[in-house]
Amino acid sequence: MKKDIDMIESLINRNEYFYKIGKIQKNEYLINNFFLIDKLEDILSRSQREKIIEFLTDEFSLPKFNLSISILKAVPN
């Protein structure tokens, strides 16, 4: 997943570079950005699904959950 995110970040940077030097027009720049954002959302969504599955199958999920809630309650806002 990290490798995929790094690749998309690199493509976003290249898209920005080519737009700044005038090799691509604003319309193509925006289309590329929306496409890359969509791919990034897919990767993150997949990651979230994996974490939910891990959470549901982890026998220590309830204690971890309770600990997280306790920590959040203890930390002043």
PDB file of N, CA and C in Angstrom:
ATOM      1  N   MET A   1       0.818  -1.181   0.000  1.00  0.00           N
ATOM      2  CA  MET A   1       0.000   0.000   0.000  1.00  0.00           C
ATOM      3  C   MET A   1       0.874   1.263   0.000  1.00  0.00           C
ATOM      4  N   LYS A   2       1.899   1.292   0.840  1.00  0.00           N
ATOM      5  CA  LYS A   2       2.774   2.462   0.916  1.00  0.00           C
ATOM      6  C   LYS A   2       3.420   2.748  -0.435  1.00  0.00           C
ATOM      7  N   LYS A   3       3.824   1.679  -1.128  1.00  0.00           N
ATOM      8  CA  LYS A   3       4.455   1.840  -2.444  1.00  0.00           C
ATOM      9  C   LYS A   3       3.460   2.452  -3.438  1.00  0.00           C
ATOM     10  N   ASP A   4       2.201   2.015  -3.373  1.00  0.00           N
ATOM     11  CA  ASP A   4       1.172   2.561  -4.263  1.00  0.00           C
ATOM     12  C   ASP A   4       0.923   4.039  -3.974  1.00  0.00           C
ATOM     13  N   ILE A   5       0.855   4.379  -2.700  1.00  0.00           N
ATOM     14  CA  ILE A   5       0.630   5.777  -2.319  1.00  0.00           C
ATOM     15  C   ILE A   5       1.808   6.639  -2.763  1.00  0.00           C
ATOM     16  N   ASP A   6       3.023   6.138  -2.580  1.00  0.00           N
ATOM     17  CA  ASP A   6       4.215   6.882  -3.022  1.00  0.00           C
ATOM     18  C   ASP A   6       4.204   7.098  -4.534  1.00  0.00           C
ATOM     19  N   MET A   7       3.776   6.080  -5.284  1.00  0.00           N
ATOM     20  CA  MET A   7       3.717   6.198  -6.737  1.00  0.00           C
ATOM     21  C   MET A   7       2.704   7.276  -7.140  1.00  0.00           C
ATOM     22  N   ILE A   8       1.549   7.273  -6.499  1.00  0.00           N
ATOM     23  CA  ILE A   8       0.528   8.271  -6.829  1.00  0.00           C
ATOM     24  C   ILE A   8       1.016   9.662  -6.446  1.00  0.00           C
ATOM     25  N   GLU A   9       1.682   9.783  -5.308  1.00  0.00           N
ATOM     26  CA  GLU A   9       2.239  11.076  -4.911  1.00  0.00           C
ATOM     27  C   GLU A   9       3.245  11.573  -5.950  1.00  0.00           C
ATOM     28  N   SER A  10       4.059  10.671  -6.460  1.00  0.00           N
ATOM     29  CA  SER A  10       5.024  11.027  -7.495  1.00  0.00           C
ATOM     30  C   SER A  10       4.309  11.501  -8.762  1.00  0.00           C
ATOM     31  N   LEU A  11       3.245  10.813  -9.135  1.00  0.00           N
ATOM     32  CA  LEU A  11       2.488  11.217 -10.327  1.00  0.00           C
ATOM     33  C   LEU A  11       1.809  12.568 -10.124  1.00  0.00           C
ATOM     34  N   ILE A  12       1.319  12.823  -8.926  1.00  0.00           N
ATOM     35  CA  ILE A  12       0.717  14.128  -8.627  1.00  0.00           C
ATOM     36  C   ILE A  12       1.775  15.220  -8.773  1.00  0.00           C
ATOM     37  N   ASN A  13       2.964  14.967  -8.253  1.00  0.00           N
ATOM     38  CA  ASN A  13       4.055  15.952  -8.363  1.00  0.00           C
ATOM     39  C   ASN A  13       4.458  16.182  -9.820  1.00  0.00           C
ATOM     40  N   ARG A  14       4.526  15.120 -10.599  1.00  0.00           N
ATOM     41  CA  ARG A  14       4.866  15.260 -12.026  1.00  0.00           C
ATOM     42  C   ARG A  14       3.774  16.016 -12.769  1.00  0.00           C
ATOM     43  N   ASN A  15       2.521  15.727 -12.434  1.00  0.00           N
ATOM     44  CA  ASN A  15       1.397  16.428 -13.052  1.00  0.00           C
ATOM     45  C   ASN A  15       1.515  17.928 -12.780  1.00  0.00           C
ATOM     46  N   GLU A  16       1.817  18.267 -11.523  1.00  0.00           N
ATOM     47  CA  GLU A  16       2.001  19.668 -11.133  1.00  0.00           C
ATOM     48  C   GLU A  16       3.160  20.296 -11.915  1.00  0.00           C
ATOM     49  N   TYR A  17       4.264  19.582 -12.032  1.00  0.00           N
ATOM     50  CA  TYR A  17       5.440  20.073 -12.748  1.00  0.00           C
ATOM     51  C   TYR A  17       5.118  20.344 -14.219  1.00  0.00           C
ATOM     52  N   PHE A  18       4.492  19.371 -14.886  1.00  0.00           N
ATOM     53  CA  PHE A  18       4.184  19.541 -16.308  1.00  0.00           C
ATOM     54  C   PHE A  18       3.184  20.674 -16.538  1.00  0.00           C
ATOM     55  N   TYR A  19       2.279  20.872 -15.581  1.00  0.00           N
ATOM     56  CA  TYR A  19       1.338  21.989 -15.700  1.00  0.00           C
ATOM     57  C   TYR A  19       2.081  23.323 -15.545  1.00  0.00           C
ATOM     58  N   LYS A  20       2.963  23.396 -14.559  1.00  0.00           N
ATOM     59  CA  LYS A  20       3.691  24.646 -14.302  1.00  0.00           C
ATOM     60  C   LYS A  20       4.577  25.056 -15.470  1.00  0.00           C
ATOM     61  N   ILE A  21       5.169  24.080 -16.168  1.00  0.00           N
ATOM     62  CA  ILE A  21       6.046  24.444 -17.295  1.00  0.00           C
ATOM     63  C   ILE A  21       5.275  24.531 -18.613  1.00  0.00           C
ATOM     64  N   GLY A  22       3.970  24.319 -18.559  1.00  0.00           N
ATOM     65  CA  GLY A  22       3.133  24.503 -19.736  1.00  0.00           C
ATOM     66  C   GLY A  22       3.052  23.327 -20.685  1.00  0.00           C
ATOM     67  N   LYS A  23       3.480  22.158 -20.269  1.00  0.00           N
ATOM     68  CA  LYS A  23       3.417  20.972 -21.143  1.00  0.00           C
ATOM     69  C   LYS A  23       2.008  20.386 -21.216  1.00  0.00           C
ATOM     70  N   ILE A  24       1.204  20.630 -20.178  1.00  0.00           N
ATOM     71  CA  ILE A  24      -0.205  20.205 -20.215  1.00  0.00           C
ATOM     72  C   ILE A  24      -1.078  21.400 -19.862  1.00  0.00           C
ATOM     73  N   GLN A  25      -2.278  21.395 -20.411  1.00  0.00           N
ATOM     74  CA  GLN A  25      -3.225  22.477 -20.176  1.00  0.00           C
ATOM     75  C   GLN A  25      -3.963  22.255 -18.858  1.00  0.00           C
ATOM     76  N   LYS A  26      -4.640  23.303 -18.391  1.00  0.00           N
ATOM     77  CA  LYS A  26      -5.347  23.244 -17.112  1.00  0.00           C
ATOM     78  C   LYS A  26      -6.385  22.124 -17.089  1.00  0.00           C
ATOM     79  N   ASN A  27      -7.105  21.940 -18.188  1.00  0.00           N
ATOM     80  CA  ASN A  27      -8.134  20.906 -18.247  1.00  0.00           C
ATOM     81  C   ASN A  27      -7.529  19.517 -18.027  1.00  0.00           C
ATOM     82  N   GLU A  28      -6.431  19.222 -18.721  1.00  0.00           N
ATOM     83  CA  GLU A  28      -5.772  17.923 -18.564  1.00  0.00           C
ATOM     84  C   GLU A  28      -5.193  17.776 -17.156  1.00  0.00           C
ATOM     85  N   TYR A  29      -4.652  18.863 -16.623  1.00  0.00           N
ATOM     86  CA  TYR A  29      -4.111  18.876 -15.265  1.00  0.00           C
ATOM     87  C   TYR A  29      -5.193  18.496 -14.255  1.00  0.00           C
ATOM     88  N   LEU A  30      -6.363  19.116 -14.385  1.00  0.00           N
ATOM     89  CA  LEU A  30      -7.466  18.836 -13.463  1.00  0.00           C
ATOM     90  C   LEU A  30      -7.989  17.411 -13.617  1.00  0.00           C
ATOM     91  N   ILE A  31      -8.119  16.955 -14.856  1.00  0.00           N
ATOM     92  CA  ILE A  31      -8.574  15.577 -15.101  1.00  0.00           C
ATOM     93  C   ILE A  31      -7.595  14.587 -14.474  1.00  0.00           C
ATOM     94  N   ASN A  32      -6.304  14.826 -14.662  1.00  0.00           N
ATOM     95  CA  ASN A  32      -5.288  13.951 -14.068  1.00  0.00           C
ATOM     96  C   ASN A  32      -5.383  13.944 -12.544  1.00  0.00           C
ATOM     97  N   ASN A  33      -5.559  15.137 -11.953  1.00  0.00           N
ATOM     98  CA  ASN A  33      -5.665  15.219 -10.494  1.00  0.00           C
ATOM     99  C   ASN A  33      -6.865  14.439  -9.976  1.00  0.00           C
ATOM    100  N   PHE A  34      -8.018  14.600 -10.620  1.00  0.00           N
ATOM    101  CA  PHE A  34      -9.207  13.867 -10.172  1.00  0.00           C
ATOM    102  C   PHE A  34      -9.011  12.364 -10.313  1.00  0.00           C
ATOM    103  N   PHE A  35      -8.376  11.941 -11.385  1.00  0.00           N
ATOM    104  CA  PHE A  35      -8.103  10.519 -11.581  1.00  0.00           C
ATOM    105  C   PHE A  35      -7.190   9.986 -10.476  1.00  0.00           C
ATOM    106  N   LEU A  36      -6.124  10.727 -10.179  1.00  0.00           N
ATOM    107  CA  LEU A  36      -5.178  10.291  -9.150  1.00  0.00           C
ATOM    108  C   LEU A  36      -5.810  10.307  -7.758  1.00  0.00           C
ATOM    109  N   ILE A  37      -6.641  11.287  -7.484  1.00  0.00           N
ATOM    110  CA  ILE A  37      -7.359  11.330  -6.205  1.00  0.00           C
ATOM    111  C   ILE A  37      -8.272  10.123  -6.071  1.00  0.00           C
ATOM    112  N   ASP A  38      -8.952   9.770  -7.149  1.00  0.00           N
ATOM    113  CA  ASP A  38      -9.835   8.597  -7.139  1.00  0.00           C
ATOM    114  C   ASP A  38      -9.045   7.328  -6.837  1.00  0.00           C
ATOM    115  N   LYS A  39      -7.876   7.184  -7.457  1.00  0.00           N
ATOM    116  CA  LYS A  39      -7.029   6.010  -7.208  1.00  0.00           C
ATOM    117  C   LYS A  39      -6.559   5.980  -5.755  1.00  0.00           C
ATOM    118  N   LEU A  40      -6.206   7.142  -5.227  1.00  0.00           N
ATOM    119  CA  LEU A  40      -5.772   7.229  -3.840  1.00  0.00           C
ATOM    120  C   LEU A  40      -6.905   6.850  -2.888  1.00  0.00           C
ATOM    121  N   GLU A  41      -8.110   7.314  -3.173  1.00  0.00           N
ATOM    122  CA  GLU A  41      -9.272   6.945  -2.359  1.00  0.00           C
ATOM    123  C   GLU A  41      -9.513   5.443  -2.401  1.00  0.00           C
ATOM    124  N   ASP A  42      -9.344   4.824  -3.563  1.00  0.00           N
ATOM    125  CA  ASP A  42      -9.499   3.367  -3.674  1.00  0.00           C
ATOM    126  C   ASP A  42      -8.500   2.639  -2.782  1.00  0.00           C
ATOM    127  N   ILE A  43      -7.258   3.087  -2.804  1.00  0.00           N
ATOM    128  CA  ILE A  43      -6.218   2.450  -1.990  1.00  0.00           C
ATOM    129  C   ILE A  43      -6.545   2.599  -0.508  1.00  0.00           C
ATOM    130  N   LEU A  44      -6.911   3.798  -0.099  1.00  0.00           N
ATOM    131  CA  LEU A  44      -7.221   4.031   1.306  1.00  0.00           C
ATOM    132  C   LEU A  44      -8.471   3.278   1.730  1.00  0.00           C
ATOM    133  N   SER A  45      -9.448   3.205   0.855  1.00  0.00           N
ATOM    134  CA  SER A  45     -10.668   2.456   1.150  1.00  0.00           C
ATOM    135  C   SER A  45     -10.346   0.982   1.350  1.00  0.00           C
ATOM    136  N   ARG A  46      -9.506   0.442   0.501  1.00  0.00           N
ATOM    137  CA  ARG A  46      -9.080  -0.954   0.609  1.00  0.00           C
ATOM    138  C   ARG A  46      -8.373  -1.173   1.944  1.00  0.00           C
ATOM    139  N   SER A  47      -7.548  -0.230   2.327  1.00  0.00           N
ATOM    140  CA  SER A  47      -6.822  -0.318   3.591  1.00  0.00           C
ATOM    141  C   SER A  47      -7.788  -0.317   4.769  1.00  0.00           C
ATOM    142  N   GLN A  48      -8.798   0.542   4.703  1.00  0.00           N
ATOM    143  CA  GLN A  48      -9.790   0.593   5.778  1.00  0.00           C
ATOM    144  C   GLN A  48     -10.543  -0.724   5.882  1.00  0.00           C
ATOM    145  N   ARG A  49     -10.897  -1.321   4.750  1.00  0.00           N
ATOM    146  CA  ARG A  49     -11.596  -2.613   4.776  1.00  0.00           C
ATOM    147  C   ARG A  49     -10.725  -3.667   5.436  1.00  0.00           C
ATOM    148  N   GLU A  50      -9.427  -3.651   5.148  1.00  0.00           N
ATOM    149  CA  GLU A  50      -8.513  -4.607   5.766  1.00  0.00           C
ATOM    150  C   GLU A  50      -8.448  -4.391   7.272  1.00  0.00           C
ATOM    151  N   LYS A  51      -8.426  -3.148   7.708  1.00  0.00           N
ATOM    152  CA  LYS A  51      -8.368  -2.863   9.143  1.00  0.00           C
ATOM    153  C   LYS A  51      -9.651  -3.296   9.840  1.00  0.00           C
ATOM    154  N   ILE A  52     -10.790  -3.109   9.195  1.00  0.00           N
ATOM    155  CA  ILE A  52     -12.056  -3.540   9.782  1.00  0.00           C
ATOM    156  C   ILE A  52     -12.077  -5.052   9.930  1.00  0.00           C
ATOM    157  N   ILE A  53     -11.610  -5.765   8.920  1.00  0.00           N
ATOM    158  CA  ILE A  53     -11.562  -7.226   8.995  1.00  0.00           C
ATOM    159  C   ILE A  53     -10.644  -7.649  10.135  1.00  0.00           C
ATOM    160  N   GLU A  54      -9.478  -7.012  10.253  1.00  0.00           N
ATOM    161  CA  GLU A  54      -8.561  -7.324  11.351  1.00  0.00           C
ATOM    162  C   GLU A  54      -9.228  -7.051  12.694  1.00  0.00           C
ATOM    163  N   PHE A  55      -9.941  -5.945  12.776  1.00  0.00           N
ATOM    164  CA  PHE A  55     -10.615  -5.568  14.016  1.00  0.00           C
ATOM    165  C   PHE A  55     -11.664  -6.606  14.397  1.00  0.00           C
ATOM    166  N   LEU A  56     -12.431  -7.070  13.433  1.00  0.00           N
ATOM    167  CA  LEU A  56     -13.495  -8.030  13.712  1.00  0.00           C
ATOM    168  C   LEU A  56     -12.961  -9.402  14.083  1.00  0.00           C
ATOM    169  N   THR A  57     -11.797  -9.767  13.566  1.00  0.00           N
ATOM    170  CA  THR A  57     -11.257 -11.101  13.838  1.00  0.00           C
ATOM    171  C   THR A  57     -10.247 -11.112  14.979  1.00  0.00           C
ATOM    172  N   ASP A  58      -9.885  -9.960  15.493  1.00  0.00           N
ATOM    173  CA  ASP A  58      -8.899  -9.868  16.571  1.00  0.00           C
ATOM    174  C   ASP A  58      -9.587 -10.089  17.911  1.00  0.00           C
ATOM    175  N   GLU A  59      -9.167 -11.138  18.637  1.00  0.00           N
ATOM    176  CA  GLU A  59      -9.822 -11.460  19.902  1.00  0.00           C
ATOM    177  C   GLU A  59      -9.571 -10.398  20.966  1.00  0.00           C
ATOM    178  N   PHE A  60      -8.558  -9.558  20.774  1.00  0.00           N
ATOM    179  CA  PHE A  60      -8.258  -8.512  21.743  1.00  0.00           C
ATOM    180  C   PHE A  60      -8.834  -7.158  21.331  1.00  0.00           C
ATOM    181  N   SER A  61      -9.730  -7.153  20.375  1.00  0.00           N
ATOM    182  CA  SER A  61     -10.274  -5.897  19.870  1.00  0.00           C
ATOM    183  C   SER A  61     -11.018  -5.118  20.944  1.00  0.00           C
ATOM    184  N   LEU A  62     -11.826  -5.795  21.745  1.00  0.00           N
ATOM    185  CA  LEU A  62     -12.590  -5.093  22.775  1.00  0.00           C
ATOM    186  C   LEU A  62     -11.663  -4.444  23.803  1.00  0.00           C
ATOM    187  N   PRO A  63     -10.673  -5.156  24.333  1.00  0.00           N
ATOM    188  CA  PRO A  63      -9.755  -4.479  25.261  1.00  0.00           C
ATOM    189  C   PRO A  63      -9.008  -3.305  24.616  1.00  0.00           C
ATOM    190  N   LYS A  64      -8.585  -3.469  23.365  1.00  0.00           N
ATOM    191  CA  LYS A  64      -7.909  -2.370  22.662  1.00  0.00           C
ATOM    192  C   LYS A  64      -8.853  -1.185  22.504  1.00  0.00           C
ATOM    193  N   PHE A  65     -10.091  -1.486  22.154  1.00  0.00           N
ATOM    194  CA  PHE A  65     -11.098  -0.441  21.984  1.00  0.00           C
ATOM    195  C   PHE A  65     -11.306   0.301  23.302  1.00  0.00           C
ATOM    196  N   ASN A  66     -11.504  -0.458  24.380  1.00  0.00           N
ATOM    197  CA  ASN A  66     -11.731   0.160  25.689  1.00  0.00           C
ATOM    198  C   ASN A  66     -10.536   1.002  26.123  1.00  0.00           C
ATOM    199  N   LEU A  67      -9.336   0.514  25.865  1.00  0.00           N
ATOM    200  CA  LEU A  67      -8.137   1.275  26.196  1.00  0.00           C
ATOM    201  C   LEU A  67      -8.085   2.577  25.399  1.00  0.00           C
ATOM    202  N   SER A  68      -8.393   2.515  24.120  1.00  0.00           N
ATOM    203  CA  SER A  68      -8.394   3.719  23.275  1.00  0.00           C
ATOM    204  C   SER A  68      -9.400   4.737  23.779  1.00  0.00           C
ATOM    205  N   ILE A  69     -10.587   4.271  24.142  1.00  0.00           N
ATOM    206  CA  ILE A  69     -11.622   5.172  24.665  1.00  0.00           C
ATOM    207  C   ILE A  69     -11.156   5.791  25.979  1.00  0.00           C
ATOM    208  N   SER A  70     -10.569   4.987  26.852  1.00  0.00           N
ATOM    209  CA  SER A  70     -10.074   5.492  28.140  1.00  0.00           C
ATOM    210  C   SER A  70      -9.003   6.554  27.944  1.00  0.00           C
ATOM    211  N   ILE A  71      -8.104   6.311  27.010  1.00  0.00           N
ATOM    212  CA  ILE A  71      -7.045   7.287  26.729  1.00  0.00           C
ATOM    213  C   ILE A  71      -7.644   8.589  26.208  1.00  0.00           C
ATOM    214  N   LEU A  72      -8.607   8.480  25.305  1.00  0.00           N
ATOM    215  CA  LEU A  72      -9.244   9.687  24.764  1.00  0.00           C
ATOM    216  C   LEU A  72      -9.972  10.464  25.855  1.00  0.00           C
ATOM    217  N   LYS A  73     -10.611   9.755  26.773  1.00  0.00           N
ATOM    218  CA  LYS A  73     -11.325  10.424  27.868  1.00  0.00           C
ATOM    219  C   LYS A  73     -10.350  11.097  28.828  1.00  0.00           C
ATOM    220  N   ALA A  74      -9.173  10.509  29.011  1.00  0.00           N
ATOM    221  CA  ALA A  74      -8.196  11.031  29.964  1.00  0.00           C
ATOM    222  C   ALA A  74      -7.442  12.244  29.435  1.00  0.00           C
ATOM    223  N   VAL A  75      -7.333  12.358  28.132  1.00  0.00           N
ATOM    224  CA  VAL A  75      -6.587  13.468  27.531  1.00  0.00           C
ATOM    225  C   VAL A  75      -7.469  14.711  27.518  1.00  0.00           C
ATOM    226  N   PRO A  76      -7.004  15.799  28.151  1.00  0.00           N
ATOM    227  CA  PRO A  76      -7.820  17.023  28.147  1.00  0.00           C
ATOM    228  C   PRO A  76      -7.924  17.618  26.748  1.00  0.00           C
ATOM    229  N   ASN A  77      -9.071  18.180  26.450  1.00  0.00           N
ATOM    230  CA  ASN A  77      -9.294  18.784  25.124  1.00  0.00           C
ATOM    231  C   ASN A  77      -8.609  20.088  25.006  1.00  0.00           C
TER     232      ASN A  77
END
